[in-house]
Amino acid sequence: MAQQTAKAFVLVNIEIGLERDVIKSLEAMPEVKEAFRIYGVYDVIIKIESEDIDSLNRAISSIRKLRGINNTMTLLPMEGFEKQ
């Protein structure tokens, strides 16, 4: 059985005009596996995977400190599936 990683989805509001800068910063973070600009209440959705909850927490804290981030909402998945 493979070891399960800690995962989170982070919804982000970004200061207008800094979306590309934030996406570029996210791309450099090893824990960020996916990031997409979206339409709606939030501007970007981020998928984070980490080896444990402590490193996940550090990654989320790093995201929250990025220049241009106005607000975040973190979602921790509890149960479900993932197709490859």
Protein backbone atom coordinates (compact mmCIF):
# COMPACT_ATOMS: atom_id res chain seq x y z
CA MET A 1 0.00 0.00 0.00
CA ALA A 2 1.39 3.40 -1.03
CA GLN A 3 1.84 6.04 1.64
CA GLN A 4 -0.91 8.64 1.42
CA THR A 5 0.19 12.23 1.03
CA ALA A 6 -1.35 15.23 2.74
CA LYS A 7 -3.44 17.23 0.26
CA ALA A 8 -5.22 20.55 0.19
CA PHE A 9 -6.99 22.77 -2.27
CA VAL A 10 -6.51 26.49 -1.76
CA LEU A 11 -8.83 29.09 -3.27
CA VAL A 12 -7.13 32.46 -3.65
CA ASN A 13 -8.16 36.07 -4.23
CA ILE A 14 -5.40 38.04 -5.92
CA GLU A 15 -4.84 41.76 -6.27
CA ILE A 16 -5.86 42.88 -9.77
CA GLY A 17 -2.92 42.85 -12.16
CA LEU A 18 -0.76 40.47 -10.12
CA GLU A 19 -2.34 37.18 -11.22
CA ARG A 20 0.52 36.16 -13.52
CA ASP A 21 3.14 37.02 -10.89
CA VAL A 22 1.35 34.87 -8.31
CA ILE A 23 0.99 31.95 -10.75
CA LYS A 24 4.72 32.17 -11.54
CA SER A 25 5.58 32.12 -7.82
CA LEU A 26 3.30 29.13 -7.27
CA GLU A 27 4.95 27.24 -10.11
CA ALA A 28 8.29 27.47 -8.28
CA MET A 29 6.90 25.82 -5.13
CA PRO A 30 7.49 22.03 -5.12
CA GLU A 31 4.35 21.30 -3.06
CA VAL A 32 2.10 23.04 -5.59
CA LYS A 33 1.08 20.35 -8.07
CA GLU A 34 -1.52 22.34 -10.02
CA ALA A 35 -2.76 25.93 -10.17
CA PHE A 36 -5.47 27.32 -12.41
CA ARG A 37 -6.96 30.76 -12.94
CA ILE A 38 -10.70 30.47 -12.48
CA TYR A 39 -13.79 32.65 -12.83
CA GLY A 40 -16.02 33.28 -9.86
CA VAL A 41 -15.55 34.52 -6.33
CA TYR A 42 -11.90 33.36 -6.31
CA ASP A 43 -9.19 33.97 -8.89
CA VAL A 44 -7.03 30.85 -8.60
CA ILE A 45 -7.42 27.30 -7.35
CA ILE A 46 -4.29 25.51 -6.15
CA LYS A 47 -3.75 21.81 -5.49
CA ILE A 48 -1.04 21.13 -2.90
CA GLU A 49 0.46 17.76 -2.00
CA SER A 50 3.00 17.19 0.72
CA GLU A 51 4.52 14.30 2.65
CA ASP A 52 2.84 15.25 5.93
CA ILE A 53 0.50 17.79 7.51
CA ASP A 54 3.36 19.91 8.91
CA SER A 55 4.95 20.49 5.50
CA LEU A 56 1.48 21.07 4.06
CA ASN A 57 0.91 23.77 6.67
CA ARG A 58 4.25 25.41 5.81
CA ALA A 59 3.35 25.42 2.11
CA ILE A 60 -0.03 27.02 2.80
CA SER A 61 1.62 29.65 5.01
CA SER A 62 4.10 30.42 2.20
CA ILE A 63 1.27 30.86 -0.27
CA ARG A 64 -0.58 33.22 2.07
CA LYS A 65 2.54 35.42 2.31
CA LEU A 66 2.98 35.84 -1.45
CA ARG A 67 2.81 39.40 -2.76
CA GLY A 68 -0.62 39.98 -4.29
CA ILE A 69 -2.56 37.44 -2.22
CA ASN A 70 -5.56 39.16 -0.65
CA ASN A 71 -7.49 36.22 0.78
CA THR A 72 -7.41 32.43 0.84
CA MET A 73 -9.74 29.57 1.67
CA THR A 74 -8.14 26.19 2.33
CA LEU A 75 -10.08 22.99 1.75
CA LEU A 76 -8.81 19.66 3.13
CA PRO A 77 -10.24 16.64 1.30
CA MET A 78 -11.58 13.95 3.62
CA GLU A 79 -12.81 11.16 1.38
CA GLY A 80 -12.95 10.54 -2.34
CA PHE A 81 -10.98 9.22 -5.27
CA GLU A 82 -8.42 10.37 -7.78
CA LYS A 83 -8.09 9.04 -11.31
CA GLN A 84 -4.72 8.93 -12.99
